[in-house]
Amino acid sequence: MIKLYGGARSRASIVKWYLEELQAPHEFQLLDMQVGQHLQPEFLAINPFGKVPAIADGDFLLWESGAILLYLADKYAEVKTLEERAIASQWVLFANATLGPGLFGEENREKETPRLLGGINKIVENQSYIAGDNFSVSDVAVAAILGYAILFIKISYADYPAIDAYMKRISDRPAYKKAILGIE
């Protein structure tokens, strides 16, 4: 069974969401970041940088939300070909390295938001999900950032109707409700 380590309001909820989507057995270990549990030797043995999320899958340890998502996509055979793996990697890396900083970085937000959201809007105008007509790890990575932008910086997708409809489809998913919104 996979053990997922995370803090309250951390990117661990992204990994938890994907584990829920996969219906993969897992245990969530909540670390109290306020008292520094993530900086204790037991956790530093898992991630020497003291950051969450991290997983232990038997003796295998892994940290960084994007790496964990891609590992889970491989482990549970969501990606079956080299090309599918490349597309999943493209979107996971885009979410973490481009979309997140573009929306959350105040210094670039005004310039980056229309460019990023315009591109995503165009993509989901023509297909149900980020990488095609089927939900995938790509959606977990991208929609998590889009959802966090709604929750934390109060972004609106009213000017991007395809993203708005996409996020409604995403937020109706039981695993999203449970892991991201905390609704059972």
N, C-alpha and C. Protein backbone atom coordinates (compact mmCIF):
# COMPACT_ATOMS: atom_id res chain seq x y z
N MET A 1 0.84 -1.18 0.00
CA MET A 1 0.00 0.00 0.00
C MET A 1 0.89 1.24 0.00
N ILE A 2 0.49 2.22 -0.79
CA ILE A 2 1.23 3.47 -0.88
C ILE A 2 0.91 4.33 0.34
N LYS A 3 1.95 4.89 0.92
CA LYS A 3 1.79 5.83 2.02
C LYS A 3 2.12 7.21 1.46
N LEU A 4 1.14 8.12 1.54
CA LEU A 4 1.29 9.48 1.04
C LEU A 4 1.48 10.41 2.23
N TYR A 5 2.55 11.18 2.18
CA TYR A 5 2.84 12.16 3.23
C TYR A 5 2.48 13.55 2.71
N GLY A 6 1.78 14.30 3.55
CA GLY A 6 1.42 15.65 3.15
C GLY A 6 1.01 16.50 4.32
N GLY A 7 0.90 17.77 4.05
CA GLY A 7 0.44 18.72 5.05
C GLY A 7 -0.92 19.24 4.66
N ALA A 8 -1.57 19.90 5.60
CA ALA A 8 -2.83 20.54 5.30
C ALA A 8 -2.56 21.61 4.23
N ARG A 9 -3.42 21.69 3.26
CA ARG A 9 -3.30 22.68 2.18
C ARG A 9 -1.96 22.59 1.47
N SER A 10 -1.60 21.39 1.08
CA SER A 10 -0.36 21.18 0.34
C SER A 10 -0.67 20.48 -0.98
N ARG A 11 0.33 20.36 -1.81
CA ARG A 11 0.16 19.66 -3.10
C ARG A 11 -0.08 18.16 -2.92
N ALA A 12 -0.02 17.69 -1.70
CA ALA A 12 -0.36 16.29 -1.45
C ALA A 12 -1.79 16.00 -1.88
N SER A 13 -2.65 17.01 -1.84
CA SER A 13 -4.05 16.79 -2.25
C SER A 13 -4.13 16.44 -3.73
N ILE A 14 -3.19 16.92 -4.54
CA ILE A 14 -3.17 16.56 -5.96
C ILE A 14 -2.90 15.07 -6.11
N VAL A 15 -1.90 14.58 -5.38
CA VAL A 15 -1.57 13.16 -5.43
C VAL A 15 -2.71 12.34 -4.87
N LYS A 16 -3.31 12.81 -3.77
CA LYS A 16 -4.45 12.10 -3.18
C LYS A 16 -5.59 12.01 -4.19
N TRP A 17 -5.85 13.09 -4.91
CA TRP A 17 -6.89 13.08 -5.92
C TRP A 17 -6.62 11.99 -6.96
N TYR A 18 -5.39 11.92 -7.45
CA TYR A 18 -5.07 10.91 -8.47
C TYR A 18 -5.18 9.50 -7.90
N LEU A 19 -4.71 9.30 -6.68
CA LEU A 19 -4.86 7.98 -6.05
C LEU A 19 -6.33 7.60 -5.94
N GLU A 20 -7.18 8.56 -5.60
CA GLU A 20 -8.62 8.31 -5.52
C GLU A 20 -9.19 7.97 -6.90
N GLU A 21 -8.78 8.70 -7.93
CA GLU A 21 -9.23 8.42 -9.29
C GLU A 21 -8.84 7.00 -9.71
N LEU A 22 -7.62 6.61 -9.36
CA LEU A 22 -7.13 5.28 -9.71
C LEU A 22 -7.72 4.17 -8.83
N GLN A 23 -8.39 4.58 -7.76
CA GLN A 23 -8.89 3.65 -6.74
C GLN A 23 -7.75 2.78 -6.22
N ALA A 24 -6.61 3.43 -6.04
CA ALA A 24 -5.41 2.74 -5.55
C ALA A 24 -5.40 2.76 -4.04
N PRO A 25 -5.14 1.62 -3.42
CA PRO A 25 -5.07 1.60 -1.96
C PRO A 25 -3.93 2.50 -1.47
N HIS A 26 -4.25 3.33 -0.51
CA HIS A 26 -3.25 4.23 0.01
C HIS A 26 -3.63 4.65 1.43
N GLU A 27 -2.62 5.14 2.10
CA GLU A 27 -2.79 5.67 3.46
C GLU A 27 -2.23 7.08 3.45
N PHE A 28 -2.96 8.01 4.01
CA PHE A 28 -2.49 9.40 4.06
C PHE A 28 -1.91 9.68 5.43
N GLN A 29 -0.68 10.15 5.46
CA GLN A 29 0.00 10.52 6.69
C GLN A 29 0.07 12.05 6.74
N LEU A 30 -0.80 12.65 7.54
CA LEU A 30 -0.82 14.10 7.67
C LEU A 30 0.32 14.54 8.57
N LEU A 31 1.17 15.40 8.05
CA LEU A 31 2.27 15.97 8.83
C LEU A 31 1.86 17.35 9.30
N ASP A 32 2.08 17.64 10.54
CA ASP A 32 1.78 18.96 11.08
C ASP A 32 2.96 19.87 10.77
N MET A 33 2.79 20.63 9.70
CA MET A 33 3.86 21.49 9.23
C MET A 33 4.11 22.65 10.21
N GLN A 34 3.07 23.03 10.94
CA GLN A 34 3.20 24.15 11.89
C GLN A 34 4.19 23.82 13.00
N VAL A 35 4.25 22.56 13.39
CA VAL A 35 5.18 22.18 14.45
C VAL A 35 6.46 21.53 13.90
N GLY A 36 6.58 21.51 12.57
CA GLY A 36 7.82 21.05 11.95
C GLY A 36 7.97 19.55 11.80
N GLN A 37 6.87 18.81 11.74
CA GLN A 37 7.01 17.35 11.55
C GLN A 37 7.74 17.01 10.26
N HIS A 38 7.62 17.86 9.26
CA HIS A 38 8.28 17.63 7.98
C HIS A 38 9.80 17.85 8.05
N LEU A 39 10.27 18.38 9.17
CA LEU A 39 11.70 18.62 9.34
C LEU A 39 12.35 17.66 10.32
N GLN A 40 11.59 16.67 10.75
CA GLN A 40 12.11 15.67 11.68
C GLN A 40 12.90 14.60 10.91
N PRO A 41 13.86 13.97 11.55
CA PRO A 41 14.71 12.97 10.87
C PRO A 41 13.92 11.87 10.16
N GLU A 42 12.79 11.44 10.73
CA GLU A 42 12.01 10.37 10.09
C GLU A 42 11.53 10.78 8.71
N PHE A 43 11.05 12.04 8.58
CA PHE A 43 10.58 12.48 7.27
C PHE A 43 11.75 12.90 6.38
N LEU A 44 12.78 13.50 6.93
CA LEU A 44 13.94 13.89 6.13
C LEU A 44 14.61 12.68 5.49
N ALA A 45 14.41 11.49 6.05
CA ALA A 45 14.92 10.26 5.43
C ALA A 45 14.14 9.94 4.16
N ILE A 46 12.92 10.45 4.04
CA ILE A 46 12.10 10.25 2.85
C ILE A 46 12.35 11.37 1.84
N ASN A 47 12.35 12.61 2.31
CA ASN A 47 12.67 13.75 1.46
C ASN A 47 13.64 14.66 2.22
N PRO A 48 14.90 14.65 1.82
CA PRO A 48 15.91 15.41 2.55
C PRO A 48 15.69 16.92 2.52
N PHE A 49 14.75 17.39 1.68
CA PHE A 49 14.45 18.82 1.61
C PHE A 49 13.29 19.20 2.52
N GLY A 50 12.64 18.20 3.14
CA GLY A 50 11.56 18.48 4.07
C GLY A 50 10.32 19.03 3.41
N LYS A 51 10.09 18.68 2.16
CA LYS A 51 8.92 19.17 1.42
C LYS A 51 7.93 18.03 1.21
N VAL A 52 6.66 18.40 1.10
CA VAL A 52 5.62 17.44 0.78
C VAL A 52 4.99 17.85 -0.54
N PRO A 53 4.44 16.88 -1.27
CA PRO A 53 4.19 15.50 -0.91
C PRO A 53 5.40 14.60 -1.14
N ALA A 54 5.28 13.45 -0.53
CA ALA A 54 6.23 12.36 -0.75
C ALA A 54 5.44 11.06 -0.58
N ILE A 55 5.94 10.00 -1.20
CA ILE A 55 5.29 8.71 -1.03
C ILE A 55 6.33 7.66 -0.65
N ALA A 56 5.83 6.63 0.02
CA ALA A 56 6.58 5.41 0.24
C ALA A 56 5.72 4.30 -0.34
N ASP A 57 6.25 3.62 -1.35
CA ASP A 57 5.57 2.48 -1.97
C ASP A 57 6.44 1.28 -1.68
N GLY A 58 6.17 0.65 -0.55
CA GLY A 58 7.09 -0.37 -0.06
C GLY A 58 8.38 0.32 0.33
N ASP A 59 9.50 -0.14 -0.22
CA ASP A 59 10.80 0.47 0.06
C ASP A 59 11.13 1.63 -0.89
N PHE A 60 10.28 1.83 -1.88
CA PHE A 60 10.53 2.88 -2.87
C PHE A 60 10.01 4.21 -2.36
N LEU A 61 10.90 5.21 -2.32
CA LEU A 61 10.55 6.55 -1.84
C LEU A 61 10.62 7.53 -3.00
N LEU A 62 9.65 8.46 -3.05
CA LEU A 62 9.62 9.43 -4.13
C LEU A 62 8.98 10.71 -3.63
N TRP A 63 9.52 11.85 -4.06
CA TRP A 63 8.95 13.14 -3.71
C TRP A 63 8.85 13.99 -4.97
N GLU A 64 8.14 15.09 -4.88
CA GLU A 64 7.77 16.01 -5.96
C GLU A 64 6.47 15.51 -6.58
N SER A 65 5.46 16.36 -6.51
CA SER A 65 4.11 15.97 -6.94
C SER A 65 4.09 15.50 -8.39
N GLY A 66 4.77 16.18 -9.29
CA GLY A 66 4.77 15.78 -10.69
C GLY A 66 5.40 14.42 -10.90
N ALA A 67 6.53 14.17 -10.25
CA ALA A 67 7.19 12.87 -10.37
C ALA A 67 6.29 11.77 -9.83
N ILE A 68 5.60 12.06 -8.73
CA ILE A 68 4.71 11.06 -8.14
C ILE A 68 3.54 10.77 -9.08
N LEU A 69 2.95 11.81 -9.67
CA LEU A 69 1.85 11.59 -10.62
C LEU A 69 2.30 10.72 -11.78
N LEU A 70 3.46 11.00 -12.34
CA LEU A 70 3.94 10.20 -13.47
C LEU A 70 4.26 8.77 -13.06
N TYR A 71 4.82 8.59 -11.89
CA TYR A 71 5.07 7.25 -11.36
C TYR A 71 3.77 6.46 -11.25
N LEU A 72 2.74 7.11 -10.69
CA LEU A 72 1.45 6.44 -10.52
C LEU A 72 0.81 6.12 -11.88
N ALA A 73 0.95 7.02 -12.85
CA ALA A 73 0.42 6.77 -14.19
C ALA A 73 1.08 5.54 -14.80
N ASP A 74 2.39 5.39 -14.58
CA ASP A 74 3.11 4.20 -15.06
C ASP A 74 2.71 2.96 -14.26
N LYS A 75 2.71 3.08 -12.95
CA LYS A 75 2.43 1.93 -12.08
C LYS A 75 1.05 1.34 -12.35
N TYR A 76 0.06 2.20 -12.54
CA TYR A 76 -1.30 1.73 -12.74
C TYR A 76 -1.69 1.69 -14.22
N ALA A 77 -0.68 1.70 -15.09
CA ALA A 77 -0.82 1.49 -16.53
C ALA A 77 -1.80 2.44 -17.20
N GLU A 78 -1.86 3.68 -16.72
CA GLU A 78 -2.66 4.66 -17.45
C GLU A 78 -1.97 5.02 -18.75
N VAL A 79 -0.65 5.10 -18.71
CA VAL A 79 0.11 5.35 -19.92
C VAL A 79 0.69 4.02 -20.40
N LYS A 80 0.46 3.73 -21.66
CA LYS A 80 0.86 2.42 -22.18
C LYS A 80 1.95 2.51 -23.25
N THR A 81 2.12 3.69 -23.84
CA THR A 81 3.11 3.84 -24.90
C THR A 81 4.06 4.98 -24.55
N LEU A 82 5.16 5.01 -25.25
CA LEU A 82 6.13 6.09 -25.07
C LEU A 82 5.48 7.44 -25.38
N GLU A 83 4.65 7.47 -26.41
CA GLU A 83 3.99 8.71 -26.79
C GLU A 83 3.01 9.17 -25.72
N GLU A 84 2.24 8.25 -25.14
CA GLU A 84 1.32 8.62 -24.05
C GLU A 84 2.09 9.13 -22.85
N ARG A 85 3.23 8.53 -22.57
CA ARG A 85 4.08 8.97 -21.46
C ARG A 85 4.60 10.38 -21.73
N ALA A 86 4.98 10.64 -22.96
CA ALA A 86 5.49 11.96 -23.32
C ALA A 86 4.41 13.02 -23.17
N ILE A 87 3.20 12.72 -23.60
CA ILE A 87 2.09 13.68 -23.47
C ILE A 87 1.79 13.93 -21.99
N ALA A 88 1.75 12.86 -21.19
CA ALA A 88 1.51 13.02 -19.75
C ALA A 88 2.62 13.88 -19.12
N SER A 89 3.86 13.61 -19.48
CA SER A 89 4.98 14.40 -18.96
C SER A 89 4.86 15.86 -19.38
N GLN A 90 4.50 16.07 -20.63
CA GLN A 90 4.33 17.44 -21.12
C GLN A 90 3.36 18.22 -20.26
N TRP A 91 2.20 17.63 -19.95
CA TRP A 91 1.17 18.35 -19.20
C TRP A 91 1.51 18.48 -17.72
N VAL A 92 2.12 17.45 -17.14
CA VAL A 92 2.50 17.54 -15.73
C VAL A 92 3.58 18.61 -15.56
N LEU A 93 4.56 18.62 -16.45
CA LEU A 93 5.61 19.64 -16.38
C LEU A 93 5.04 21.03 -16.67
N PHE A 94 4.14 21.14 -17.63
CA PHE A 94 3.50 22.42 -17.92
C PHE A 94 2.77 22.95 -16.68
N ALA A 95 2.01 22.09 -16.03
CA ALA A 95 1.25 22.52 -14.85
C ALA A 95 2.18 23.05 -13.76
N ASN A 96 3.25 22.32 -13.49
CA ASN A 96 4.14 22.68 -12.39
C ASN A 96 5.12 23.79 -12.73
N ALA A 97 5.61 23.82 -13.96
CA ALA A 97 6.68 24.77 -14.30
C ALA A 97 6.19 26.02 -15.03
N THR A 98 5.02 25.95 -15.65
CA THR A 98 4.54 27.07 -16.45
C THR A 98 3.23 27.63 -15.92
N LEU A 99 2.22 26.77 -15.81
CA LEU A 99 0.89 27.24 -15.40
C LEU A 99 0.88 27.75 -13.97
N GLY A 100 1.39 26.97 -13.04
CA GLY A 100 1.42 27.39 -11.63
C GLY A 100 2.14 28.71 -11.44
N PRO A 101 3.41 28.81 -11.88
CA PRO A 101 4.11 30.09 -11.73
C PRO A 101 3.44 31.24 -12.49
N GLY A 102 2.86 30.95 -13.65
CA GLY A 102 2.20 31.99 -14.43
C GLY A 102 0.98 32.57 -13.74
N LEU A 103 0.20 31.71 -13.09
CA LEU A 103 -1.00 32.18 -12.41
C LEU A 103 -0.72 32.71 -11.01
N PHE A 104 0.23 32.10 -10.32
CA PHE A 104 0.46 32.45 -8.91
C PHE A 104 1.59 33.46 -8.70
N GLY A 105 2.46 33.60 -9.67
CA GLY A 105 3.55 34.58 -9.55
C GLY A 105 3.04 35.97 -9.85
N GLU A 106 2.93 36.78 -8.83
CA GLU A 106 2.36 38.13 -8.98
C GLU A 106 3.08 38.96 -10.03
N GLU A 107 4.39 38.79 -10.15
CA GLU A 107 5.16 39.62 -11.07
C GLU A 107 4.81 39.36 -12.54
N ASN A 108 4.32 38.16 -12.86
CA ASN A 108 4.01 37.81 -14.25
C ASN A 108 2.53 37.57 -14.50
N ARG A 109 1.72 37.57 -13.46
CA ARG A 109 0.32 37.15 -13.58
C ARG A 109 -0.44 37.91 -14.66
N GLU A 110 -0.31 39.22 -14.67
CA GLU A 110 -1.10 40.04 -15.60
C GLU A 110 -0.79 39.69 -17.06
N LYS A 111 0.48 39.45 -17.35
CA LYS A 111 0.90 39.12 -18.72
C LYS A 111 0.62 37.65 -19.07
N GLU A 112 0.90 36.76 -18.13
CA GLU A 112 0.84 35.33 -18.41
C GLU A 112 -0.58 34.76 -18.40
N THR A 113 -1.44 35.26 -17.53
CA THR A 113 -2.77 34.66 -17.37
C THR A 113 -3.55 34.60 -18.68
N PRO A 114 -3.68 35.70 -19.42
CA PRO A 114 -4.46 35.60 -20.67
C PRO A 114 -3.85 34.64 -21.69
N ARG A 115 -2.53 34.61 -21.75
CA ARG A 115 -1.86 33.72 -22.71
C ARG A 115 -2.07 32.25 -22.33
N LEU A 116 -1.87 31.96 -21.06
CA LEU A 116 -2.03 30.58 -20.60
C LEU A 116 -3.48 30.11 -20.67
N LEU A 117 -4.38 30.92 -20.13
CA LEU A 117 -5.78 30.52 -20.11
C LEU A 117 -6.37 30.51 -21.52
N GLY A 118 -5.92 31.42 -22.38
CA GLY A 118 -6.39 31.40 -23.76
C GLY A 118 -6.03 30.10 -24.46
N GLY A 119 -4.81 29.64 -24.24
CA GLY A 119 -4.37 28.38 -24.85
C GLY A 119 -5.14 27.18 -24.31
N ILE A 120 -5.29 27.13 -23.01
CA ILE A 120 -6.04 26.01 -22.41
C ILE A 120 -7.49 26.05 -22.87
N ASN A 121 -8.08 27.24 -22.92
CA ASN A 121 -9.47 27.37 -23.34
C ASN A 121 -9.65 26.82 -24.75
N LYS A 122 -8.72 27.15 -25.65
CA LYS A 122 -8.79 26.66 -27.03
C LYS A 122 -8.72 25.13 -27.06
N ILE A 123 -7.87 24.56 -26.24
CA ILE A 123 -7.73 23.10 -26.21
C ILE A 123 -9.02 22.43 -25.74
N VAL A 124 -9.60 22.92 -24.64
CA VAL A 124 -10.79 22.25 -24.10
C VAL A 124 -12.08 22.69 -24.80
N GLU A 125 -11.98 23.59 -25.76
CA GLU A 125 -13.12 23.87 -26.64
C GLU A 125 -13.38 22.69 -27.57
N ASN A 126 -12.33 22.00 -27.93
CA ASN A 126 -12.40 20.96 -28.96
C ASN A 126 -12.34 19.54 -28.43
N GLN A 127 -12.15 19.38 -27.14
CA GLN A 127 -12.09 18.03 -26.55
C GLN A 127 -12.50 18.14 -25.09
N SER A 128 -12.92 17.02 -24.53
CA SER A 128 -13.46 17.02 -23.17
C SER A 128 -12.40 17.24 -22.10
N TYR A 129 -11.20 16.75 -22.36
CA TYR A 129 -10.15 16.82 -21.36
C TYR A 129 -8.86 17.34 -21.97
N ILE A 130 -7.89 17.60 -21.14
CA ILE A 130 -6.65 18.24 -21.56
C ILE A 130 -5.92 17.46 -22.65
N ALA A 131 -5.82 16.16 -22.52
CA ALA A 131 -5.06 15.37 -23.48
C ALA A 131 -5.95 14.60 -24.46
N GLY A 132 -7.24 14.90 -24.48
CA GLY A 132 -8.13 14.20 -25.40
C GLY A 132 -9.52 14.07 -24.82
N ASP A 133 -10.20 13.01 -25.21
CA ASP A 133 -11.58 12.82 -24.76
C ASP A 133 -11.71 11.98 -23.50
N ASN A 134 -10.58 11.51 -22.96
CA ASN A 134 -10.61 10.72 -21.74
C ASN A 134 -9.84 11.42 -20.62
N PHE A 135 -10.39 11.35 -19.43
CA PHE A 135 -9.73 11.90 -18.24
C PHE A 135 -8.41 11.16 -18.03
N SER A 136 -7.36 11.92 -17.62
CA SER A 136 -6.05 11.31 -17.41
C SER A 136 -5.25 12.08 -16.37
N VAL A 137 -4.05 11.61 -16.13
CA VAL A 137 -3.13 12.27 -15.20
C VAL A 137 -2.88 13.71 -15.63
N SER A 138 -2.95 13.98 -16.92
CA SER A 138 -2.78 15.35 -17.42
C SER A 138 -3.82 16.28 -16.81
N ASP A 139 -5.05 15.79 -16.68
CA ASP A 139 -6.12 16.59 -16.08
C ASP A 139 -5.87 16.82 -14.60
N VAL A 140 -5.37 15.81 -13.91
CA VAL A 140 -5.09 15.98 -12.50
C VAL A 140 -4.09 17.12 -12.32
N ALA A 141 -3.02 17.10 -13.10
CA ALA A 141 -1.98 18.12 -12.96
C ALA A 141 -2.51 19.51 -13.31
N VAL A 142 -3.16 19.66 -14.44
CA VAL A 142 -3.59 20.98 -14.91
C VAL A 142 -4.80 21.47 -14.11
N ALA A 143 -5.81 20.64 -13.95
CA ALA A 143 -7.02 21.08 -13.25
C ALA A 143 -6.76 21.37 -11.78
N ALA A 144 -5.80 20.70 -11.18
CA ALA A 144 -5.48 21.02 -9.79
C ALA A 144 -4.98 22.46 -9.68
N ILE A 145 -4.12 22.87 -10.59
CA ILE A 145 -3.61 24.25 -10.56
C ILE A 145 -4.75 25.22 -10.87
N LEU A 146 -5.58 24.90 -11.85
CA LEU A 146 -6.72 25.77 -12.17
C LEU A 146 -7.68 25.87 -10.98
N GLY A 147 -7.89 24.75 -10.30
CA GLY A 147 -8.76 24.74 -9.12
C GLY A 147 -8.15 25.52 -7.96
N TYR A 148 -6.85 25.38 -7.75
CA TYR A 148 -6.18 26.14 -6.70
C TYR A 148 -6.29 27.64 -6.98
N ALA A 149 -6.23 28.01 -8.26
CA ALA A 149 -6.34 29.43 -8.61
C ALA A 149 -7.72 29.97 -8.24
N ILE A 150 -8.75 29.15 -8.38
CA ILE A 150 -10.09 29.57 -7.95
C ILE A 150 -10.10 29.75 -6.43
N LEU A 151 -9.56 28.77 -5.72
CA LEU A 151 -9.62 28.78 -4.25
C LEU A 151 -8.72 29.85 -3.62
N PHE A 152 -7.50 30.02 -4.13
CA PHE A 152 -6.51 30.82 -3.42
C PHE A 152 -6.32 32.24 -3.95
N ILE A 153 -6.50 32.43 -5.26
CA ILE A 153 -6.35 33.80 -5.77
C ILE A 153 -7.66 34.31 -6.37
N LYS A 154 -8.72 33.55 -6.15
CA LYS A 154 -10.08 33.95 -6.54
C LYS A 154 -10.18 34.29 -8.03
N ILE A 155 -9.49 33.51 -8.85
CA ILE A 155 -9.56 33.72 -10.29
C ILE A 155 -10.93 33.28 -10.80
N SER A 156 -11.40 33.93 -11.82
CA SER A 156 -12.66 33.58 -12.47
C SER A 156 -12.36 33.13 -13.89
N TYR A 157 -13.09 32.15 -14.35
CA TYR A 157 -12.94 31.69 -15.72
C TYR A 157 -14.10 32.13 -16.59
N ALA A 158 -14.80 33.17 -16.16
CA ALA A 158 -15.96 33.68 -16.90
C ALA A 158 -15.58 34.10 -18.32
N ASP A 159 -14.39 34.62 -18.52
CA ASP A 159 -13.95 35.02 -19.86
C ASP A 159 -13.42 33.85 -20.67
N TYR A 160 -13.40 32.68 -20.08
CA TYR A 160 -12.88 31.47 -20.73
C TYR A 160 -13.94 30.37 -20.58
N PRO A 161 -15.00 30.43 -21.39
CA PRO A 161 -16.14 29.52 -21.18
C PRO A 161 -15.81 28.04 -21.28
N ALA A 162 -14.86 27.68 -22.12
CA ALA A 162 -14.50 26.26 -22.22
C ALA A 162 -13.78 25.79 -20.94
N ILE A 163 -12.93 26.64 -20.37
CA ILE A 163 -12.28 26.29 -19.09
C ILE A 163 -13.34 26.22 -17.99
N ASP A 164 -14.26 27.16 -18.00
CA ASP A 164 -15.32 27.16 -17.00
C ASP A 164 -16.11 25.85 -17.05
N ALA A 165 -16.48 25.41 -18.25
CA ALA A 165 -17.22 24.15 -18.41
C ALA A 165 -16.34 22.96 -18.02
N TYR A 166 -15.06 23.01 -18.39
CA TYR A 166 -14.11 21.96 -18.03
C TYR A 166 -14.00 21.83 -16.51
N MET A 167 -13.85 22.96 -15.83
CA MET A 167 -13.72 22.91 -14.38
C MET A 167 -15.01 22.45 -13.71
N LYS A 168 -16.14 22.71 -14.30
CA LYS A 168 -17.40 22.16 -13.78
C LYS A 168 -17.41 20.64 -13.91
N ARG A 169 -16.94 20.11 -15.07
CA ARG A 169 -16.84 18.65 -15.25
C ARG A 169 -15.88 18.06 -14.21
N ILE A 170 -14.75 18.73 -14.03
CA ILE A 170 -13.75 18.24 -13.08
C ILE A 170 -14.31 18.26 -11.66
N SER A 171 -14.93 19.36 -11.27
CA SER A 171 -15.40 19.50 -9.89
C SER A 171 -16.58 18.59 -9.57
N ASP A 172 -17.18 18.00 -10.58
CA ASP A 172 -18.24 17.02 -10.36
C ASP A 172 -17.70 15.61 -10.11
N ARG A 173 -16.42 15.42 -10.31
CA ARG A 173 -15.82 14.09 -10.12
C ARG A 173 -15.73 13.79 -8.62
N PRO A 174 -16.23 12.63 -8.19
CA PRO A 174 -16.21 12.29 -6.76
C PRO A 174 -14.81 12.34 -6.15
N ALA A 175 -13.79 11.90 -6.87
CA ALA A 175 -12.42 11.91 -6.32
C ALA A 175 -11.92 13.33 -6.12
N TYR A 176 -12.28 14.25 -7.02
CA TYR A 176 -11.90 15.66 -6.87
C TYR A 176 -12.59 16.25 -5.64
N LYS A 177 -13.87 15.98 -5.52
CA LYS A 177 -14.61 16.50 -4.37
C LYS A 177 -13.98 16.03 -3.06
N LYS A 178 -13.60 14.76 -3.03
CA LYS A 178 -13.04 14.19 -1.80
C LYS A 178 -11.64 14.74 -1.50
N ALA A 179 -10.77 14.71 -2.48
CA ALA A 179 -9.36 15.06 -2.23
C ALA A 179 -9.08 16.55 -2.25
N ILE A 180 -9.70 17.29 -3.14
CA ILE A 180 -9.40 18.71 -3.28
C ILE A 180 -10.34 19.58 -2.45
N LEU A 181 -11.62 19.26 -2.51
CA LEU A 181 -12.61 20.09 -1.81
C LEU A 181 -12.92 19.59 -0.41
N GLY A 182 -12.49 18.37 -0.09
CA GLY A 182 -12.75 17.82 1.25
C GLY A 182 -14.19 17.43 1.48
N ILE A 183 -14.91 17.10 0.40
CA ILE A 183 -16.30 16.69 0.48
C ILE A 183 -16.39 15.19 0.26
N GLU A 184 -16.92 14.50 1.23
CA GLU A 184 -17.05 13.03 1.09
C GLU A 184 -18.30 12.66 0.34
